[in-house]
Amino acid sequence: MTGTAMRLDVRALEGLTRPDPDADARIRPRGLLAVLSRIGLALPSGLDPDAPGDRLYAAADGRS
């Protein structure tokens, strides 16, 4: 990837740092993932930010 393709949209990240009474704990990680996916981040299969913690840990353990 070129330098411009890897450029992180800082303005989009700044929006995630501001208080927002309509954005709950489930929405913020989705927003962060949406921004980071623009530079190539992809979660492994089974890792879903909406999943309960025990399922996230099991999915993370299964990928090692």
PDB file of N, CA and C in Angstrom:
ATOM      1  N   MET A   1       0.835  -1.185   0.000  1.00  0.00           N
ATOM      2  CA  MET A   1       0.000   0.000   0.000  1.00  0.00           C
ATOM      3  C   MET A   1       0.877   1.245   0.000  1.00  0.00           C
ATOM      4  N   THR A   2       0.371   2.258  -0.600  1.00  0.00           N
ATOM      5  CA  THR A   2       1.113   3.508  -0.616  1.00  0.00           C
ATOM      6  C   THR A   2       0.848   4.271   0.666  1.00  0.00           C
ATOM      7  N   GLY A   3       1.616   5.304   0.901  1.00  0.00           N
ATOM      8  CA  GLY A   3       1.442   6.126   2.088  1.00  0.00           C
ATOM      9  C   GLY A   3       0.066   6.749   2.170  1.00  0.00           C
ATOM     10  N   THR A   4      -0.485   7.142   1.034  1.00  0.00           N
ATOM     11  CA  THR A   4      -1.814   7.752   1.061  1.00  0.00           C
ATOM     12  C   THR A   4      -2.890   6.710   1.334  1.00  0.00           C
ATOM     13  N   ALA A   5      -2.696   5.476   0.895  1.00  0.00           N
ATOM     14  CA  ALA A   5      -3.678   4.425   1.157  1.00  0.00           C
ATOM     15  C   ALA A   5      -3.690   4.045   2.640  1.00  0.00           C
ATOM     16  N   MET A   6      -2.565   4.223   3.308  1.00  0.00           N
ATOM     17  CA  MET A   6      -2.466   3.867   4.716  1.00  0.00           C
ATOM     18  C   MET A   6      -2.807   5.028   5.640  1.00  0.00           C
ATOM     19  N   ARG A   7      -3.153   6.165   5.090  1.00  0.00           N
ATOM     20  CA  ARG A   7      -3.411   7.336   5.910  1.00  0.00           C
ATOM     21  C   ARG A   7      -4.674   7.126   6.739  1.00  0.00           C
ATOM     22  N   LEU A   8      -4.547   7.343   8.020  1.00  0.00           N
ATOM     23  CA  LEU A   8      -5.662   7.197   8.950  1.00  0.00           C
ATOM     24  C   LEU A   8      -6.475   8.484   8.964  1.00  0.00           C
ATOM     25  N   ASP A   9      -7.765   8.362   8.939  1.00  0.00           N
ATOM     26  CA  ASP A   9      -8.648   9.518   8.956  1.00  0.00           C
ATOM     27  C   ASP A   9      -8.790  10.013  10.399  1.00  0.00           C
ATOM     28  N   VAL A  10      -7.919  10.922  10.778  1.00  0.00           N
ATOM     29  CA  VAL A  10      -7.879  11.419  12.147  1.00  0.00           C
ATOM     30  C   VAL A  10      -9.164  12.153  12.501  1.00  0.00           C
ATOM     31  N   ARG A  11      -9.738  12.849  11.546  1.00  0.00           N
ATOM     32  CA  ARG A  11     -11.004  13.555  11.830  1.00  0.00           C
ATOM     33  C   ARG A  11     -12.099  12.573  12.228  1.00  0.00           C
ATOM     34  N   ALA A  12     -12.133  11.422  11.585  1.00  0.00           N
ATOM     35  CA  ALA A  12     -13.135  10.412  11.940  1.00  0.00           C
ATOM     36  C   ALA A  12     -12.872   9.859  13.339  1.00  0.00           C
ATOM     37  N   LEU A  13     -11.593   9.678  13.684  1.00  0.00           N
ATOM     38  CA  LEU A  13     -11.256   9.210  15.033  1.00  0.00           C
ATOM     39  C   LEU A  13     -11.589  10.253  16.095  1.00  0.00           C
ATOM     40  N   GLU A  14     -11.376  11.514  15.790  1.00  0.00           N
ATOM     41  CA  GLU A  14     -11.685  12.567  16.752  1.00  0.00           C
ATOM     42  C   GLU A  14     -13.162  12.553  17.117  1.00  0.00           C
ATOM     43  N   GLY A  15     -14.009  12.249  16.166  1.00  0.00           N
ATOM     44  CA  GLY A  15     -15.433  12.178  16.445  1.00  0.00           C
ATOM     45  C   GLY A  15     -15.778  11.107  17.464  1.00  0.00           C
ATOM     46  N   LEU A  16     -14.959  10.075  17.536  1.00  0.00           N
ATOM     47  CA  LEU A  16     -15.194   8.999  18.495  1.00  0.00           C
ATOM     48  C   LEU A  16     -14.749   9.369  19.904  1.00  0.00           C
ATOM     49  N   THR A  17     -13.973  10.428  20.059  1.00  0.00           N
ATOM     50  CA  THR A  17     -13.495  10.822  21.377  1.00  0.00           C
ATOM     51  C   THR A  17     -14.411  11.830  22.062  1.00  0.00           C
ATOM     52  N   ARG A  18     -15.339  12.381  21.316  1.00  0.00           N
ATOM     53  CA  ARG A  18     -16.239  13.382  21.898  1.00  0.00           C
ATOM     54  C   ARG A  18     -17.388  12.709  22.636  1.00  0.00           C
ATOM     55  N   PRO A  19     -17.845  13.328  23.727  1.00  0.00           N
ATOM     56  CA  PRO A  19     -19.010  12.779  24.426  1.00  0.00           C
ATOM     57  C   PRO A  19     -20.225  12.749  23.498  1.00  0.00           C
ATOM     58  N   ASP A  20     -20.941  11.666  23.535  1.00  0.00           N
ATOM     59  CA  ASP A  20     -22.140  11.511  22.709  1.00  0.00           C
ATOM     60  C   ASP A  20     -23.142  10.665  23.491  1.00  0.00           C
ATOM     61  N   PRO A  21     -24.194  11.284  23.990  1.00  0.00           N
ATOM     62  CA  PRO A  21     -25.158  10.526  24.791  1.00  0.00           C
ATOM     63  C   PRO A  21     -25.893   9.446  23.988  1.00  0.00           C
ATOM     64  N   ASP A  22     -25.880   9.546  22.667  1.00  0.00           N
ATOM     65  CA  ASP A  22     -26.560   8.546  21.842  1.00  0.00           C
ATOM     66  C   ASP A  22     -25.664   7.366  21.485  1.00  0.00           C
ATOM     67  N   ALA A  23     -24.365   7.468  21.746  1.00  0.00           N
ATOM     68  CA  ALA A  23     -23.428   6.389  21.416  1.00  0.00           C
ATOM     69  C   ALA A  23     -23.127   5.587  22.670  1.00  0.00           C
ATOM     70  N   ASP A  24     -23.612   4.366  22.705  1.00  0.00           N
ATOM     71  CA  ASP A  24     -23.368   3.542  23.877  1.00  0.00           C
ATOM     72  C   ASP A  24     -22.094   2.714  23.703  1.00  0.00           C
ATOM     73  N   ALA A  25     -21.824   1.860  24.674  1.00  0.00           N
ATOM     74  CA  ALA A  25     -20.588   1.070  24.660  1.00  0.00           C
ATOM     75  C   ALA A  25     -20.530   0.096  23.490  1.00  0.00           C
ATOM     76  N   ARG A  26     -21.659  -0.261  22.904  1.00  0.00           N
ATOM     77  CA  ARG A  26     -21.646  -1.185  21.771  1.00  0.00           C
ATOM     78  C   ARG A  26     -21.396  -0.448  20.461  1.00  0.00           C
ATOM     79  N   ILE A  27     -21.764   0.805  20.393  1.00  0.00           N
ATOM     80  CA  ILE A  27     -21.622   1.566  19.152  1.00  0.00           C
ATOM     81  C   ILE A  27     -20.193   2.063  18.955  1.00  0.00           C
ATOM     82  N   ARG A  28     -19.544   2.492  20.010  1.00  0.00           N
ATOM     83  CA  ARG A  28     -18.195   3.067  19.884  1.00  0.00           C
ATOM     84  C   ARG A  28     -17.180   2.096  19.287  1.00  0.00           C
ATOM     85  N   PRO A  29     -17.105   0.842  19.741  1.00  0.00           N
ATOM     86  CA  PRO A  29     -16.152  -0.076  19.083  1.00  0.00           C
ATOM     87  C   PRO A  29     -16.464  -0.286  17.604  1.00  0.00           C
ATOM     88  N   ARG A  30     -17.731  -0.318  17.255  1.00  0.00           N
ATOM     89  CA  ARG A  30     -18.101  -0.452  15.838  1.00  0.00           C
ATOM     90  C   ARG A  30     -17.605   0.736  15.043  1.00  0.00           C
ATOM     91  N   GLY A  31     -17.732   1.933  15.600  1.00  0.00           N
ATOM     92  CA  GLY A  31     -17.229   3.130  14.923  1.00  0.00           C
ATOM     93  C   GLY A  31     -15.723   3.086  14.749  1.00  0.00           C
ATOM     94  N   LEU A  32     -15.032   2.658  15.794  1.00  0.00           N
ATOM     95  CA  LEU A  32     -13.572   2.535  15.721  1.00  0.00           C
ATOM     96  C   LEU A  32     -13.172   1.508  14.663  1.00  0.00           C
ATOM     97  N   LEU A  33     -13.844   0.376  14.644  1.00  0.00           N
ATOM     98  CA  LEU A  33     -13.543  -0.648  13.637  1.00  0.00           C
ATOM     99  C   LEU A  33     -13.834  -0.149  12.227  1.00  0.00           C
ATOM    100  N   ALA A  34     -14.889   0.625  12.076  1.00  0.00           N
ATOM    101  CA  ALA A  34     -15.210   1.169  10.755  1.00  0.00           C
ATOM    102  C   ALA A  34     -14.093   2.077  10.261  1.00  0.00           C
ATOM    103  N   VAL A  35     -13.578   2.922  11.144  1.00  0.00           N
ATOM    104  CA  VAL A  35     -12.489   3.822  10.763  1.00  0.00           C
ATOM    105  C   VAL A  35     -11.220   3.020  10.468  1.00  0.00           C
ATOM    106  N   LEU A  36     -10.882   2.074  11.329  1.00  0.00           N
ATOM    107  CA  LEU A  36      -9.652   1.298  11.136  1.00  0.00           C
ATOM    108  C   LEU A  36      -9.736   0.348   9.951  1.00  0.00           C
ATOM    109  N   SER A  37     -10.932  -0.071   9.587  1.00  0.00           N
ATOM    110  CA  SER A  37     -11.055  -0.958   8.426  1.00  0.00           C
ATOM    111  C   SER A  37     -10.679  -0.234   7.142  1.00  0.00           C
ATOM    112  N   ARG A  38     -10.745   1.074   7.155  1.00  0.00           N
ATOM    113  CA  ARG A  38     -10.361   1.851   5.968  1.00  0.00           C
ATOM    114  C   ARG A  38      -8.874   1.744   5.655  1.00  0.00           C
ATOM    115  N   ILE A  39      -8.080   1.370   6.682  1.00  0.00           N
ATOM    116  CA  ILE A  39      -6.644   1.202   6.431  1.00  0.00           C
ATOM    117  C   ILE A  39      -6.245  -0.268   6.448  1.00  0.00           C
ATOM    118  N   GLY A  40      -7.244  -1.158   6.416  1.00  0.00           N
ATOM    119  CA  GLY A  40      -6.936  -2.564   6.248  1.00  0.00           C
ATOM    120  C   GLY A  40      -7.166  -3.465   7.443  1.00  0.00           C
ATOM    121  N   LEU A  41      -7.614  -2.952   8.573  1.00  0.00           N
ATOM    122  CA  LEU A  41      -7.873  -3.807   9.723  1.00  0.00           C
ATOM    123  C   LEU A  41      -9.041  -4.735   9.414  1.00  0.00           C
ATOM    124  N   ALA A  42      -8.860  -5.995   9.698  1.00  0.00           N
ATOM    125  CA  ALA A  42      -9.936  -6.977   9.557  1.00  0.00           C
ATOM    126  C   ALA A  42      -9.878  -7.902  10.759  1.00  0.00           C
ATOM    127  N   LEU A  43     -10.995  -8.042  11.438  1.00  0.00           N
ATOM    128  CA  LEU A  43     -11.034  -8.932  12.591  1.00  0.00           C
ATOM    129  C   LEU A  43     -11.040 -10.386  12.131  1.00  0.00           C
ATOM    130  N   PRO A  44     -10.373 -11.244  12.879  1.00  0.00           N
ATOM    131  CA  PRO A  44     -10.426 -12.670  12.556  1.00  0.00           C
ATOM    132  C   PRO A  44     -11.851 -13.193  12.699  1.00  0.00           C
ATOM    133  N   SER A  45     -12.133 -14.269  12.035  1.00  0.00           N
ATOM    134  CA  SER A  45     -13.443 -14.895  12.110  1.00  0.00           C
ATOM    135  C   SER A  45     -13.792 -15.208  13.560  1.00  0.00           C
ATOM    136  N   GLY A  46     -15.008 -14.898  13.946  1.00  0.00           N
ATOM    137  CA  GLY A  46     -15.470 -15.183  15.299  1.00  0.00           C
ATOM    138  C   GLY A  46     -15.301 -14.033  16.262  1.00  0.00           C
ATOM    139  N   LEU A  47     -14.484 -13.050  15.918  1.00  0.00           N
ATOM    140  CA  LEU A  47     -14.326 -11.885  16.785  1.00  0.00           C
ATOM    141  C   LEU A  47     -15.315 -10.812  16.353  1.00  0.00           C
ATOM    142  N   ASP A  48     -16.317 -10.616  17.156  1.00  0.00           N
ATOM    143  CA  ASP A  48     -17.375  -9.655  16.877  1.00  0.00           C
ATOM    144  C   ASP A  48     -17.522  -8.778  18.113  1.00  0.00           C
ATOM    145  N   PRO A  49     -17.378  -7.472  17.980  1.00  0.00           N
ATOM    146  CA  PRO A  49     -17.412  -6.602  19.163  1.00  0.00           C
ATOM    147  C   PRO A  49     -18.745  -6.656  19.914  1.00  0.00           C
ATOM    148  N   ASP A  50     -19.795  -7.174  19.302  1.00  0.00           N
ATOM    149  CA  ASP A  50     -21.078  -7.285  19.995  1.00  0.00           C
ATOM    150  C   ASP A  50     -21.209  -8.580  20.787  1.00  0.00           C
ATOM    151  N   ALA A  51     -20.272  -9.490  20.625  1.00  0.00           N
ATOM    152  CA  ALA A  51     -20.346 -10.781  21.315  1.00  0.00           C
ATOM    153  C   ALA A  51     -20.021 -10.617  22.795  1.00  0.00           C
ATOM    154  N   PRO A  52     -20.596 -11.478  23.633  1.00  0.00           N
ATOM    155  CA  PRO A  52     -20.248 -11.451  25.058  1.00  0.00           C
ATOM    156  C   PRO A  52     -18.759 -11.756  25.257  1.00  0.00           C
ATOM    157  N   GLY A  53     -18.218 -11.298  26.357  1.00  0.00           N
ATOM    158  CA  GLY A  53     -16.792 -11.443  26.636  1.00  0.00           C
ATOM    159  C   GLY A  53     -16.280 -12.869  26.562  1.00  0.00           C
ATOM    160  N   ASP A  54     -17.036 -13.817  27.103  1.00  0.00           N
ATOM    161  CA  ASP A  54     -16.553 -15.197  27.087  1.00  0.00           C
ATOM    162  C   ASP A  54     -16.432 -15.741  25.669  1.00  0.00           C
ATOM    163  N   ARG A  55     -17.324 -15.339  24.770  1.00  0.00           N
ATOM    164  CA  ARG A  55     -17.218 -15.760  23.368  1.00  0.00           C
ATOM    165  C   ARG A  55     -16.046 -15.080  22.673  1.00  0.00           C
ATOM    166  N   LEU A  56     -15.777 -13.829  23.019  1.00  0.00           N
ATOM    167  CA  LEU A  56     -14.617 -13.139  22.438  1.00  0.00           C
ATOM    168  C   LEU A  56     -13.320 -13.829  22.859  1.00  0.00           C
ATOM    169  N   TYR A  57     -13.213 -14.159  24.149  1.00  0.00           N
ATOM    170  CA  TYR A  57     -12.015 -14.846  24.625  1.00  0.00           C
ATOM    171  C   TYR A  57     -11.849 -16.195  23.945  1.00  0.00           C
ATOM    172  N   ALA A  58     -12.942 -16.937  23.795  1.00  0.00           N
ATOM    173  CA  ALA A  58     -12.866 -18.261  23.148  1.00  0.00           C
ATOM    174  C   ALA A  58     -12.441 -18.116  21.690  1.00  0.00           C
ATOM    175  N   ALA A  59     -12.981 -17.136  20.994  1.00  0.00           N
ATOM    176  CA  ALA A  59     -12.605 -16.915  19.591  1.00  0.00           C
ATOM    177  C   ALA A  59     -11.142 -16.511  19.493  1.00  0.00           C
ATOM    178  N   ALA A  60     -10.675 -15.658  20.404  1.00  0.00           N
ATOM    179  CA  ALA A  60      -9.278 -15.215  20.373  1.00  0.00           C
ATOM    180  C   ALA A  60      -8.339 -16.373  20.691  1.00  0.00           C
ATOM    181  N   ASP A  61      -8.710 -17.241  21.635  1.00  0.00           N
ATOM    182  CA  ASP A  61      -7.880 -18.406  21.974  1.00  0.00           C
ATOM    183  C   ASP A  61      -7.812 -19.388  20.814  1.00  0.00           C
ATOM    184  N   GLY A  62      -8.881 -19.500  20.057  1.00  0.00           N
ATOM    185  CA  GLY A  62      -8.934 -20.465  18.963  1.00  0.00           C
ATOM    186  C   GLY A  62      -8.106 -20.074  17.759  1.00  0.00           C
ATOM    187  N   ARG A  63      -7.669 -18.829  17.692  1.00  0.00           N
ATOM    188  CA  ARG A  63      -6.925 -18.399  16.501  1.00  0.00           C
ATOM    189  C   ARG A  63      -5.429 -18.495  16.676  1.00  0.00           C
ATOM    190  N   SER A  64      -4.952 -18.833  17.876  1.00  0.00           N
ATOM    191  CA  SER A  64      -3.504 -18.886  18.092  1.00  0.00           C
ATOM    192  C   SER A  64      -2.882 -20.170  17.644  1.00  0.00           C
TER     193      SER A  64
END
